[in-house]
Amino acid sequence: MNPPVQGPPGTENRNVSPTHNDLTAAAPHTSGEQSLTVPGPCPTTRLTWEDTSGTDAGTDQGPNVVPGAASSARLRPEQLTAETEIVWLVPTDGLDYVRESLDITKRRSGQPPYHSRGRLVGYADLGPRTTATRDSGRYDRRTFWLLPTDRSESNDSPYTAYAPLEAVDPRTVAPGRPGRLTERAWGSPLPPAGQHPAPPQ
């Protein structure tokens, strides 16, 4: 039996059950005429930038949001309708941006495991009646994270005058609403829609 998955040191561990482990899942069995079927890979949406006025048509966007700012088209409101709460594991006041993505998890709520470089800084909880979004019985849940090279994590970060493609301002995040890119998150005036500078050499 694998040991329980724990969050990074110093993080909030509420809603984490020691009896659940996202690393293991029962394998389906075959019997008689049945055949084992394996779900195909989840299609990934190409990361692009588009000109949008925001999910809420300009309301509740905060003072730093620039109308018509470039926004990641990767996450859409219809992908987040089951969210009931955003849980932050660290204070976000000192974070200009966080990276936002969807992760596949075994549970609807509670801190998901994080096995990549960097640290998990927040996640979304889904409603108790949310049905699985995959044939494997798992759920797509939004997570927020940072890498060691990010602006808040390194004194010589390359992201001083711009931000990673997944970056959103945590102040614009709410249940069911994708995060937005702001000038504070970007670190300088936002580029025109459809443009994203190449990383420094």
N, C-alpha and C. Protein backbone atom coordinates (compact mmCIF):
# COMPACT_ATOMS: atom_id res chain seq x y z
N MET A 1 0.85 -1.19 0.00
CA MET A 1 0.00 0.00 0.00
C MET A 1 0.88 1.24 0.00
N ASN A 2 0.56 2.17 -0.85
CA ASN A 2 1.35 3.39 -0.92
C ASN A 2 1.04 4.26 0.29
N PRO A 3 1.99 5.08 0.75
CA PRO A 3 1.72 5.98 1.87
C PRO A 3 0.76 7.07 1.45
N PRO A 4 0.03 7.65 2.40
CA PRO A 4 -0.90 8.73 2.06
C PRO A 4 -0.16 9.88 1.40
N VAL A 5 -0.83 10.53 0.47
CA VAL A 5 -0.23 11.67 -0.21
C VAL A 5 -0.39 12.89 0.67
N GLN A 6 0.65 13.60 0.91
CA GLN A 6 0.62 14.80 1.71
C GLN A 6 1.00 15.98 0.85
N GLY A 7 0.55 17.15 1.23
CA GLY A 7 0.89 18.35 0.48
C GLY A 7 2.29 18.80 0.79
N PRO A 8 2.76 19.85 0.11
CA PRO A 8 4.09 20.38 0.38
C PRO A 8 4.20 20.84 1.82
N PRO A 9 5.40 20.85 2.40
CA PRO A 9 5.57 21.28 3.79
C PRO A 9 5.02 22.67 4.00
N GLY A 10 4.35 22.88 5.10
CA GLY A 10 3.85 24.20 5.44
C GLY A 10 2.54 24.55 4.78
N THR A 11 1.93 23.66 4.07
CA THR A 11 0.68 23.97 3.40
C THR A 11 -0.50 23.48 4.21
N GLU A 12 -1.66 24.02 3.87
CA GLU A 12 -2.87 23.62 4.56
C GLU A 12 -3.31 22.25 4.07
N ASN A 13 -3.65 21.37 4.99
CA ASN A 13 -4.02 20.01 4.61
C ASN A 13 -5.47 19.71 4.91
N ARG A 14 -6.33 20.72 4.95
CA ARG A 14 -7.71 20.43 5.29
C ARG A 14 -8.38 19.64 4.18
N ASN A 15 -9.32 18.83 4.56
CA ASN A 15 -10.09 17.97 3.65
C ASN A 15 -9.26 16.83 3.08
N VAL A 16 -8.02 16.61 3.54
CA VAL A 16 -7.22 15.52 3.02
C VAL A 16 -7.50 14.28 3.86
N SER A 17 -7.95 13.23 3.24
CA SER A 17 -8.23 12.00 3.95
C SER A 17 -7.06 11.05 3.81
N PRO A 18 -6.54 10.51 4.92
CA PRO A 18 -5.41 9.58 4.81
C PRO A 18 -5.77 8.26 4.16
N THR A 19 -7.07 8.03 3.96
CA THR A 19 -7.48 6.76 3.35
C THR A 19 -7.57 6.85 1.85
N HIS A 20 -7.36 8.05 1.30
CA HIS A 20 -7.44 8.23 -0.14
C HIS A 20 -6.08 8.57 -0.68
N ASN A 21 -5.75 8.00 -1.79
CA ASN A 21 -4.46 8.24 -2.42
C ASN A 21 -4.68 8.31 -3.92
N ASP A 22 -4.42 9.48 -4.51
CA ASP A 22 -4.65 9.66 -5.94
C ASP A 22 -3.66 8.90 -6.79
N LEU A 23 -2.61 8.34 -6.17
CA LEU A 23 -1.61 7.65 -6.96
C LEU A 23 -2.06 6.25 -7.36
N THR A 24 -3.06 5.72 -6.65
CA THR A 24 -3.48 4.36 -6.93
C THR A 24 -4.93 4.34 -7.34
N ALA A 25 -5.28 3.45 -8.24
CA ALA A 25 -6.66 3.28 -8.66
C ALA A 25 -6.85 1.83 -9.05
N ALA A 26 -8.01 1.28 -8.68
CA ALA A 26 -8.26 -0.12 -8.99
C ALA A 26 -8.31 -0.32 -10.49
N ALA A 27 -7.63 -1.35 -10.97
CA ALA A 27 -7.62 -1.63 -12.40
C ALA A 27 -8.89 -2.37 -12.78
N PRO A 28 -9.50 -2.04 -13.94
CA PRO A 28 -10.71 -2.75 -14.36
C PRO A 28 -10.40 -4.21 -14.68
N HIS A 29 -11.37 -5.11 -14.43
CA HIS A 29 -11.20 -6.53 -14.68
C HIS A 29 -12.01 -6.94 -15.91
N THR A 30 -11.62 -8.06 -16.49
CA THR A 30 -12.37 -8.59 -17.60
C THR A 30 -12.94 -9.94 -17.20
N SER A 31 -14.07 -10.27 -17.77
CA SER A 31 -14.71 -11.55 -17.44
C SER A 31 -15.51 -12.02 -18.63
N GLY A 32 -15.41 -13.30 -18.96
CA GLY A 32 -16.20 -13.87 -20.06
C GLY A 32 -15.92 -13.20 -21.36
N GLU A 33 -16.99 -12.68 -21.98
CA GLU A 33 -16.86 -12.07 -23.30
C GLU A 33 -16.44 -10.61 -23.22
N GLN A 34 -16.34 -10.05 -22.01
CA GLN A 34 -16.00 -8.64 -21.91
C GLN A 34 -14.55 -8.43 -22.29
N SER A 35 -14.27 -7.28 -22.81
CA SER A 35 -12.89 -6.94 -23.14
C SER A 35 -12.51 -5.66 -22.41
N LEU A 36 -11.25 -5.56 -22.12
CA LEU A 36 -10.74 -4.40 -21.41
C LEU A 36 -10.63 -3.23 -22.37
N THR A 37 -11.22 -2.13 -22.01
CA THR A 37 -11.12 -0.93 -22.83
C THR A 37 -10.40 0.13 -22.03
N VAL A 38 -9.52 0.83 -22.68
CA VAL A 38 -8.73 1.87 -22.04
C VAL A 38 -9.16 3.20 -22.61
N PRO A 39 -9.58 4.15 -21.77
CA PRO A 39 -9.97 5.46 -22.29
C PRO A 39 -8.83 6.10 -23.06
N GLY A 40 -9.16 6.74 -24.16
CA GLY A 40 -8.14 7.42 -24.95
C GLY A 40 -7.64 8.64 -24.21
N PRO A 41 -6.53 9.18 -24.64
CA PRO A 41 -5.98 10.36 -23.97
C PRO A 41 -6.91 11.55 -24.10
N CYS A 42 -6.93 12.35 -23.08
CA CYS A 42 -7.77 13.54 -23.10
C CYS A 42 -7.20 14.53 -24.11
N PRO A 43 -8.01 15.03 -25.04
CA PRO A 43 -7.47 16.00 -26.00
C PRO A 43 -7.06 17.28 -25.28
N THR A 44 -5.96 17.80 -25.66
CA THR A 44 -5.49 19.03 -25.05
C THR A 44 -5.80 20.20 -25.97
N THR A 45 -6.20 21.29 -25.36
CA THR A 45 -6.51 22.49 -26.14
C THR A 45 -5.24 23.28 -26.36
N ARG A 46 -5.00 23.66 -27.57
CA ARG A 46 -3.81 24.42 -27.91
C ARG A 46 -3.81 25.74 -27.15
N LEU A 47 -2.66 26.09 -26.59
CA LEU A 47 -2.56 27.33 -25.84
C LEU A 47 -2.50 28.50 -26.80
N THR A 48 -3.47 29.37 -26.69
CA THR A 48 -3.52 30.53 -27.57
C THR A 48 -3.89 31.75 -26.76
N TRP A 49 -3.82 32.89 -27.39
CA TRP A 49 -4.25 34.14 -26.77
C TRP A 49 -5.38 34.72 -27.60
N GLU A 50 -6.33 35.33 -26.93
CA GLU A 50 -7.43 35.94 -27.66
C GLU A 50 -7.85 37.22 -26.97
N ASP A 51 -8.52 38.09 -27.73
CA ASP A 51 -8.99 39.35 -27.19
C ASP A 51 -10.36 39.12 -26.57
N THR A 52 -10.47 39.28 -25.25
CA THR A 52 -11.75 39.08 -24.60
C THR A 52 -12.00 40.24 -23.65
N SER A 53 -13.25 40.41 -23.30
CA SER A 53 -13.60 41.46 -22.34
C SER A 53 -13.78 40.89 -20.95
N GLY A 54 -13.47 39.62 -20.76
CA GLY A 54 -13.57 39.02 -19.44
C GLY A 54 -14.81 38.18 -19.30
N THR A 55 -14.78 37.26 -18.38
CA THR A 55 -15.88 36.35 -18.19
C THR A 55 -17.15 37.06 -17.76
N ASP A 56 -16.99 38.09 -16.94
CA ASP A 56 -18.16 38.78 -16.41
C ASP A 56 -18.43 40.11 -17.10
N ALA A 57 -18.00 40.23 -18.32
CA ALA A 57 -18.29 41.42 -19.13
C ALA A 57 -17.89 42.71 -18.40
N GLY A 58 -16.73 42.67 -17.78
CA GLY A 58 -16.21 43.89 -17.18
C GLY A 58 -16.55 44.08 -15.72
N THR A 59 -17.41 43.24 -15.13
CA THR A 59 -17.75 43.39 -13.73
C THR A 59 -16.84 42.54 -12.88
N ASP A 60 -16.56 43.05 -11.68
CA ASP A 60 -15.74 42.29 -10.72
C ASP A 60 -14.37 41.95 -11.27
N GLN A 61 -13.83 42.76 -12.12
CA GLN A 61 -12.53 42.46 -12.70
C GLN A 61 -11.37 43.00 -11.88
N GLY A 62 -11.63 43.95 -11.01
CA GLY A 62 -10.54 44.49 -10.20
C GLY A 62 -9.89 45.68 -10.90
N PRO A 63 -9.20 46.53 -10.14
CA PRO A 63 -8.65 47.78 -10.71
C PRO A 63 -7.48 47.57 -11.65
N ASN A 64 -6.81 46.43 -11.57
CA ASN A 64 -5.61 46.24 -12.39
C ASN A 64 -5.88 45.57 -13.72
N VAL A 65 -7.12 45.16 -13.96
CA VAL A 65 -7.43 44.44 -15.19
C VAL A 65 -7.59 45.42 -16.33
N VAL A 66 -6.93 45.17 -17.42
CA VAL A 66 -7.02 46.03 -18.59
C VAL A 66 -8.10 45.50 -19.52
N PRO A 67 -9.12 46.30 -19.88
CA PRO A 67 -10.15 45.82 -20.80
C PRO A 67 -9.54 45.36 -22.11
N GLY A 68 -10.04 44.24 -22.63
CA GLY A 68 -9.52 43.73 -23.88
C GLY A 68 -8.16 43.09 -23.74
N ALA A 69 -7.72 42.80 -22.50
CA ALA A 69 -6.39 42.25 -22.29
C ALA A 69 -6.31 40.84 -22.85
N ALA A 70 -5.06 40.45 -23.18
CA ALA A 70 -4.84 39.09 -23.65
C ALA A 70 -5.22 38.11 -22.55
N SER A 71 -5.88 37.01 -22.92
CA SER A 71 -6.33 36.02 -21.95
C SER A 71 -6.09 34.64 -22.49
N SER A 72 -5.70 33.70 -21.61
CA SER A 72 -5.49 32.34 -22.06
C SER A 72 -6.81 31.70 -22.40
N ALA A 73 -6.93 31.13 -23.62
CA ALA A 73 -8.17 30.50 -24.05
C ALA A 73 -8.24 29.06 -23.60
N ARG A 74 -7.26 28.61 -22.83
CA ARG A 74 -7.20 27.21 -22.43
C ARG A 74 -8.34 26.83 -21.50
N LEU A 75 -8.69 27.70 -20.55
CA LEU A 75 -9.78 27.42 -19.63
C LEU A 75 -10.97 28.31 -19.96
N ARG A 76 -12.15 27.69 -19.98
CA ARG A 76 -13.37 28.40 -20.30
C ARG A 76 -14.37 28.23 -19.16
N PRO A 77 -15.28 29.18 -18.98
CA PRO A 77 -16.25 29.08 -17.88
C PRO A 77 -17.03 27.77 -17.87
N GLU A 78 -17.36 27.24 -19.05
CA GLU A 78 -18.15 26.00 -19.09
C GLU A 78 -17.36 24.79 -18.57
N GLN A 79 -16.05 24.91 -18.47
CA GLN A 79 -15.25 23.82 -17.89
C GLN A 79 -15.24 23.88 -16.37
N LEU A 80 -15.73 24.96 -15.79
CA LEU A 80 -15.58 25.20 -14.36
C LEU A 80 -16.91 25.32 -13.63
N THR A 81 -17.98 24.88 -14.25
CA THR A 81 -19.32 25.09 -13.69
C THR A 81 -19.55 24.32 -12.39
N ALA A 82 -18.80 23.25 -12.15
CA ALA A 82 -19.01 22.45 -10.93
C ALA A 82 -18.25 22.99 -9.73
N GLU A 83 -17.46 24.03 -9.90
CA GLU A 83 -16.67 24.56 -8.79
C GLU A 83 -17.55 25.22 -7.74
N THR A 84 -17.22 24.97 -6.47
CA THR A 84 -17.96 25.60 -5.38
C THR A 84 -17.07 26.50 -4.52
N GLU A 85 -15.77 26.27 -4.57
CA GLU A 85 -14.87 27.04 -3.70
C GLU A 85 -13.46 27.01 -4.28
N ILE A 86 -12.74 28.12 -4.09
CA ILE A 86 -11.31 28.18 -4.39
C ILE A 86 -10.58 28.21 -3.05
N VAL A 87 -9.68 27.27 -2.85
CA VAL A 87 -8.91 27.17 -1.61
C VAL A 87 -7.47 27.58 -1.90
N TRP A 88 -7.01 28.61 -1.21
CA TRP A 88 -5.62 29.05 -1.34
C TRP A 88 -4.81 28.50 -0.19
N LEU A 89 -3.70 27.88 -0.48
CA LEU A 89 -2.83 27.30 0.54
C LEU A 89 -1.83 28.30 1.10
N VAL A 90 -1.65 29.39 0.40
CA VAL A 90 -0.74 30.45 0.83
C VAL A 90 -1.43 31.79 0.62
N PRO A 91 -1.03 32.83 1.33
CA PRO A 91 -1.59 34.16 1.06
C PRO A 91 -1.23 34.59 -0.37
N THR A 92 -2.19 35.16 -1.07
CA THR A 92 -1.95 35.57 -2.46
C THR A 92 -1.60 37.05 -2.59
N ASP A 93 -1.60 37.78 -1.47
CA ASP A 93 -1.32 39.21 -1.56
C ASP A 93 0.04 39.49 -2.16
N GLY A 94 1.02 38.64 -1.89
CA GLY A 94 2.36 38.88 -2.41
C GLY A 94 2.65 38.20 -3.73
N LEU A 95 1.65 37.61 -4.35
CA LEU A 95 1.86 36.91 -5.62
C LEU A 95 1.29 37.74 -6.77
N ASP A 96 2.16 38.15 -7.68
CA ASP A 96 1.67 38.89 -8.85
C ASP A 96 0.85 37.99 -9.76
N TYR A 97 1.28 36.73 -9.86
CA TYR A 97 0.56 35.78 -10.70
C TYR A 97 0.72 34.37 -10.14
N VAL A 98 -0.16 33.49 -10.56
CA VAL A 98 -0.05 32.05 -10.32
C VAL A 98 -0.30 31.36 -11.66
N ARG A 99 0.16 30.14 -11.77
CA ARG A 99 -0.12 29.36 -12.98
C ARG A 99 -1.42 28.58 -12.76
N GLU A 100 -2.26 28.60 -13.77
CA GLU A 100 -3.59 27.98 -13.67
C GLU A 100 -3.71 26.83 -14.68
N SER A 101 -4.22 25.69 -14.23
CA SER A 101 -4.41 24.56 -15.14
C SER A 101 -5.46 23.62 -14.58
N LEU A 102 -5.89 22.67 -15.41
CA LEU A 102 -6.80 21.61 -14.98
C LEU A 102 -6.00 20.34 -14.72
N ASP A 103 -6.23 19.70 -13.59
CA ASP A 103 -5.57 18.45 -13.25
C ASP A 103 -6.61 17.34 -13.12
N ILE A 104 -6.20 16.12 -13.34
CA ILE A 104 -7.06 14.96 -13.17
C ILE A 104 -6.88 14.43 -11.76
N THR A 105 -7.95 14.39 -10.98
CA THR A 105 -7.84 13.94 -9.59
C THR A 105 -8.89 12.88 -9.29
N LYS A 106 -8.66 12.16 -8.22
CA LYS A 106 -9.55 11.06 -7.83
C LYS A 106 -10.74 11.56 -7.04
N ARG A 107 -10.58 12.69 -6.37
CA ARG A 107 -11.62 13.20 -5.49
C ARG A 107 -12.14 14.55 -5.97
N ARG A 108 -13.36 14.87 -5.56
CA ARG A 108 -13.98 16.13 -5.94
C ARG A 108 -13.45 17.31 -5.13
N SER A 109 -12.98 17.04 -3.93
CA SER A 109 -12.56 18.13 -3.05
C SER A 109 -11.36 17.71 -2.22
N GLY A 110 -10.82 18.65 -1.51
CA GLY A 110 -9.63 18.39 -0.72
C GLY A 110 -8.37 18.63 -1.53
N GLN A 111 -7.28 18.81 -0.83
CA GLN A 111 -6.01 19.13 -1.49
C GLN A 111 -5.53 17.97 -2.35
N PRO A 112 -5.36 18.20 -3.65
CA PRO A 112 -4.85 17.13 -4.52
C PRO A 112 -3.34 16.97 -4.35
N PRO A 113 -2.81 15.80 -4.70
CA PRO A 113 -1.35 15.63 -4.63
C PRO A 113 -0.67 16.47 -5.70
N TYR A 114 0.55 16.85 -5.42
CA TYR A 114 1.33 17.65 -6.37
C TYR A 114 2.71 17.02 -6.45
N HIS A 115 3.08 16.55 -7.64
CA HIS A 115 4.33 15.81 -7.79
C HIS A 115 5.31 16.48 -8.75
N SER A 116 5.02 17.69 -9.17
CA SER A 116 5.90 18.39 -10.10
C SER A 116 6.88 19.28 -9.35
N ARG A 117 7.77 19.91 -10.10
CA ARG A 117 8.66 20.90 -9.49
C ARG A 117 7.84 22.07 -8.99
N GLY A 118 8.39 22.82 -8.05
CA GLY A 118 7.68 23.98 -7.56
C GLY A 118 6.73 23.63 -6.44
N ARG A 119 5.64 24.37 -6.36
CA ARG A 119 4.70 24.16 -5.26
C ARG A 119 3.27 24.44 -5.69
N LEU A 120 2.36 23.74 -5.04
CA LEU A 120 0.93 23.96 -5.23
C LEU A 120 0.53 25.11 -4.31
N VAL A 121 -0.18 26.10 -4.86
CA VAL A 121 -0.59 27.25 -4.04
C VAL A 121 -2.10 27.35 -3.89
N GLY A 122 -2.86 26.59 -4.66
CA GLY A 122 -4.31 26.64 -4.53
C GLY A 122 -4.99 25.61 -5.40
N TYR A 123 -6.27 25.40 -5.15
CA TYR A 123 -7.05 24.43 -5.92
C TYR A 123 -8.53 24.75 -5.79
N ALA A 124 -9.31 24.15 -6.66
CA ALA A 124 -10.77 24.33 -6.64
C ALA A 124 -11.43 23.08 -6.08
N ASP A 125 -12.45 23.26 -5.27
CA ASP A 125 -13.29 22.16 -4.82
C ASP A 125 -14.54 22.10 -5.71
N LEU A 126 -14.98 20.88 -6.00
CA LEU A 126 -16.18 20.67 -6.80
C LEU A 126 -17.34 20.31 -5.89
N GLY A 127 -18.56 20.53 -6.37
CA GLY A 127 -19.75 20.21 -5.59
C GLY A 127 -19.87 18.72 -5.33
N PRO A 128 -20.56 18.33 -4.23
CA PRO A 128 -20.66 16.91 -3.85
C PRO A 128 -21.43 16.06 -4.86
N ARG A 129 -22.21 16.67 -5.71
CA ARG A 129 -22.99 15.92 -6.70
C ARG A 129 -22.35 15.94 -8.08
N THR A 130 -21.16 16.45 -8.16
CA THR A 130 -20.47 16.49 -9.44
C THR A 130 -20.17 15.07 -9.93
N THR A 131 -20.51 14.79 -11.16
CA THR A 131 -20.22 13.47 -11.73
C THR A 131 -18.82 13.48 -12.35
N ALA A 132 -18.24 12.29 -12.42
CA ALA A 132 -16.89 12.17 -12.99
C ALA A 132 -16.89 12.65 -14.43
N THR A 133 -15.80 13.28 -14.81
CA THR A 133 -15.68 13.82 -16.16
C THR A 133 -14.93 12.88 -17.09
N ARG A 134 -14.51 11.73 -16.56
CA ARG A 134 -13.72 10.80 -17.37
C ARG A 134 -14.22 9.38 -17.15
N ASP A 135 -13.96 8.51 -18.14
CA ASP A 135 -14.35 7.11 -18.02
C ASP A 135 -13.65 6.43 -16.85
N SER A 136 -12.54 6.97 -16.42
CA SER A 136 -11.78 6.37 -15.32
C SER A 136 -12.38 6.71 -13.96
N GLY A 137 -13.46 7.49 -13.94
CA GLY A 137 -14.07 7.87 -12.68
C GLY A 137 -13.36 9.00 -11.98
N ARG A 138 -12.59 9.77 -12.72
CA ARG A 138 -11.85 10.87 -12.13
C ARG A 138 -12.42 12.21 -12.58
N TYR A 139 -11.91 13.25 -11.96
CA TYR A 139 -12.47 14.59 -12.12
C TYR A 139 -11.40 15.56 -12.63
N ASP A 140 -11.84 16.51 -13.42
CA ASP A 140 -10.98 17.61 -13.85
C ASP A 140 -11.15 18.74 -12.85
N ARG A 141 -10.08 19.07 -12.16
CA ARG A 141 -10.13 20.14 -11.16
C ARG A 141 -9.05 21.17 -11.43
N ARG A 142 -9.39 22.41 -11.18
CA ARG A 142 -8.44 23.49 -11.41
C ARG A 142 -7.43 23.56 -10.26
N THR A 143 -6.17 23.72 -10.63
CA THR A 143 -5.12 23.90 -9.64
C THR A 143 -4.31 25.13 -9.99
N PHE A 144 -3.66 25.69 -8.97
CA PHE A 144 -2.83 26.88 -9.12
C PHE A 144 -1.47 26.55 -8.52
N TRP A 145 -0.40 26.87 -9.26
CA TRP A 145 0.92 26.41 -8.87
C TRP A 145 1.98 27.38 -9.34
N LEU A 146 3.19 27.18 -8.84
CA LEU A 146 4.33 28.02 -9.21
C LEU A 146 5.56 27.14 -9.39
N LEU A 147 6.44 27.56 -10.30
CA LEU A 147 7.70 26.87 -10.53
C LEU A 147 8.85 27.65 -9.89
N PRO A 148 9.98 27.00 -9.66
CA PRO A 148 11.12 27.70 -9.03
C PRO A 148 11.60 28.92 -9.82
N THR A 149 11.34 28.97 -11.11
CA THR A 149 11.80 30.10 -11.92
C THR A 149 10.80 31.26 -11.94
N ASP A 150 9.67 31.13 -11.27
CA ASP A 150 8.66 32.19 -11.31
C ASP A 150 9.09 33.40 -10.50
N ARG A 151 8.45 34.51 -10.78
CA ARG A 151 8.84 35.79 -10.23
C ARG A 151 8.86 35.81 -8.71
N SER A 152 7.88 35.18 -8.09
CA SER A 152 7.80 35.19 -6.63
C SER A 152 8.75 34.19 -5.98
N GLU A 153 9.35 33.30 -6.78
CA GLU A 153 10.17 32.23 -6.24
C GLU A 153 11.66 32.46 -6.43
N SER A 154 12.05 33.38 -7.30
CA SER A 154 13.46 33.53 -7.64
C SER A 154 13.82 35.00 -7.80
N ASN A 155 14.98 35.37 -7.31
CA ASN A 155 15.46 36.75 -7.46
C ASN A 155 15.95 37.04 -8.87
N ASP A 156 16.29 36.01 -9.64
CA ASP A 156 16.73 36.22 -11.01
C ASP A 156 15.78 35.54 -12.00
N SER A 157 14.50 35.62 -11.70
CA SER A 157 13.48 35.02 -12.57
C SER A 157 13.49 35.69 -13.95
N PRO A 158 13.28 34.91 -15.01
CA PRO A 158 13.16 35.52 -16.33
C PRO A 158 11.83 36.25 -16.51
N TYR A 159 10.89 36.04 -15.58
CA TYR A 159 9.55 36.60 -15.73
C TYR A 159 9.41 37.90 -14.95
N THR A 160 10.24 38.88 -15.29
CA THR A 160 10.14 40.18 -14.64
C THR A 160 9.36 41.18 -15.47
N ALA A 161 9.45 41.09 -16.77
CA ALA A 161 8.74 42.03 -17.64
C ALA A 161 7.63 41.35 -18.44
N TYR A 162 7.39 40.10 -18.15
CA TYR A 162 6.26 39.38 -18.74
C TYR A 162 5.99 38.17 -17.87
N ALA A 163 5.04 37.32 -18.25
CA ALA A 163 4.63 36.20 -17.41
C ALA A 163 4.47 34.95 -18.25
N PRO A 164 4.46 33.77 -17.60
CA PRO A 164 4.26 32.52 -18.35
C PRO A 164 2.87 32.49 -19.00
N LEU A 165 2.72 31.59 -19.97
CA LEU A 165 1.47 31.50 -20.70
C LEU A 165 0.31 31.11 -19.80
N GLU A 166 0.56 30.32 -18.74
CA GLU A 166 -0.53 29.89 -17.85
C GLU A 166 -0.85 30.91 -16.77
N ALA A 167 -0.14 32.04 -16.75
CA ALA A 167 -0.25 32.98 -15.63
C ALA A 167 -1.60 33.68 -15.60
N VAL A 168 -2.13 33.81 -14.39
CA VAL A 168 -3.33 34.61 -14.14
C VAL A 168 -3.13 35.35 -12.83
N ASP A 169 -3.81 36.46 -12.69
CA ASP A 169 -3.78 37.21 -11.45
C ASP A 169 -4.70 36.51 -10.46
N PRO A 170 -4.19 36.07 -9.29
CA PRO A 170 -5.05 35.35 -8.35
C PRO A 170 -6.22 36.19 -7.84
N ARG A 171 -6.13 37.50 -7.94
CA ARG A 171 -7.21 38.38 -7.50
C ARG A 171 -8.41 38.33 -8.42
N THR A 172 -8.23 37.77 -9.60
CA THR A 172 -9.35 37.68 -10.54
C THR A 172 -9.98 36.29 -10.57
N VAL A 173 -9.50 35.40 -9.71
CA VAL A 173 -10.00 34.02 -9.69
C VAL A 173 -11.21 33.92 -8.78
N ALA A 174 -12.23 33.20 -9.23
CA ALA A 174 -13.42 32.93 -8.42
C ALA A 174 -13.98 31.60 -8.89
N PRO A 175 -14.78 30.93 -8.04
CA PRO A 175 -15.38 29.66 -8.47
C PRO A 175 -16.15 29.82 -9.78
N GLY A 176 -15.85 28.97 -10.73
CA GLY A 176 -16.54 29.01 -12.02
C GLY A 176 -16.06 30.07 -12.97
N ARG A 177 -15.05 30.83 -12.58
CA ARG A 177 -14.57 31.92 -13.43
C ARG A 177 -13.07 31.78 -13.66
N PRO A 178 -12.62 31.66 -14.90
CA PRO A 178 -11.18 31.56 -15.17
C PRO A 178 -10.45 32.82 -14.70
N GLY A 179 -9.21 32.64 -14.29
CA GLY A 179 -8.41 33.78 -13.92
C GLY A 179 -8.08 34.64 -15.13
N ARG A 180 -7.76 35.90 -14.86
CA ARG A 180 -7.46 36.85 -15.92
C ARG A 180 -6.02 37.34 -15.80
N LEU A 181 -5.47 37.74 -16.90
CA LEU A 181 -4.14 38.34 -16.93
C LEU A 181 -4.29 39.85 -16.73
N THR A 182 -3.50 40.41 -15.83
CA THR A 182 -3.53 41.84 -15.56
C THR A 182 -2.12 42.40 -15.75
N GLU A 183 -2.02 43.72 -15.74
CA GLU A 183 -0.70 44.34 -15.85
C GLU A 183 0.17 43.98 -14.66
N ARG A 184 -0.43 43.83 -13.50
CA ARG A 184 0.34 43.41 -12.33
C ARG A 184 0.90 42.01 -12.53
N ALA A 185 0.08 41.11 -13.05
CA ALA A 185 0.55 39.75 -13.31
C ALA A 185 1.60 39.73 -14.41
N TRP A 186 1.39 40.53 -15.44
CA TRP A 186 2.30 40.55 -16.58
C TRP A 186 3.65 41.17 -16.22
N GLY A 187 3.64 42.17 -15.32
CA GLY A 187 4.88 42.82 -14.91
C GLY A 187 5.24 44.04 -15.72
N SER A 188 4.39 44.39 -16.68
CA SER A 188 4.60 45.55 -17.55
C SER A 188 3.32 45.74 -18.35
N PRO A 189 3.23 46.79 -19.16
CA PRO A 189 2.02 46.94 -19.98
C PRO A 189 1.75 45.69 -20.81
N LEU A 190 0.50 45.30 -20.87
CA LEU A 190 0.13 44.08 -21.58
C LEU A 190 0.37 44.21 -23.08
N PRO A 191 0.80 43.13 -23.73
CA PRO A 191 1.00 43.17 -25.18
C PRO A 191 -0.34 43.15 -25.89
N PRO A 192 -0.37 43.52 -27.16
CA PRO A 192 -1.61 43.43 -27.92
C PRO A 192 -2.13 41.99 -27.96
N ALA A 193 -3.44 41.84 -28.12
CA ALA A 193 -4.04 40.51 -28.19
C ALA A 193 -3.41 39.72 -29.32
N GLY A 194 -3.14 38.45 -29.07
CA GLY A 194 -2.57 37.58 -30.09
C GLY A 194 -1.06 37.55 -30.08
N GLN A 195 -0.44 38.36 -29.23
CA GLN A 195 1.01 38.38 -29.19
C GLN A 195 1.50 37.90 -27.84
N HIS A 196 2.60 37.18 -27.84
CA HIS A 196 3.24 36.73 -26.62
C HIS A 196 4.73 36.70 -26.89
N PRO A 197 5.52 37.44 -26.09
CA PRO A 197 6.96 37.52 -26.39
C PRO A 197 7.66 36.20 -26.17
N ALA A 198 8.72 35.99 -26.90
CA ALA A 198 9.52 34.78 -26.74
C ALA A 198 10.32 34.90 -25.44
N PRO A 199 10.57 33.76 -24.77
CA PRO A 199 11.38 33.79 -23.55
C PRO A 199 12.77 34.34 -23.83
N PRO A 200 13.39 34.97 -22.84
CA PRO A 200 14.75 35.49 -23.05
C PRO A 200 15.72 34.36 -23.30
N GLN A 201 16.74 34.62 -24.07
CA GLN A 201 17.75 33.61 -24.38
C GLN A 201 18.74 33.47 -23.23
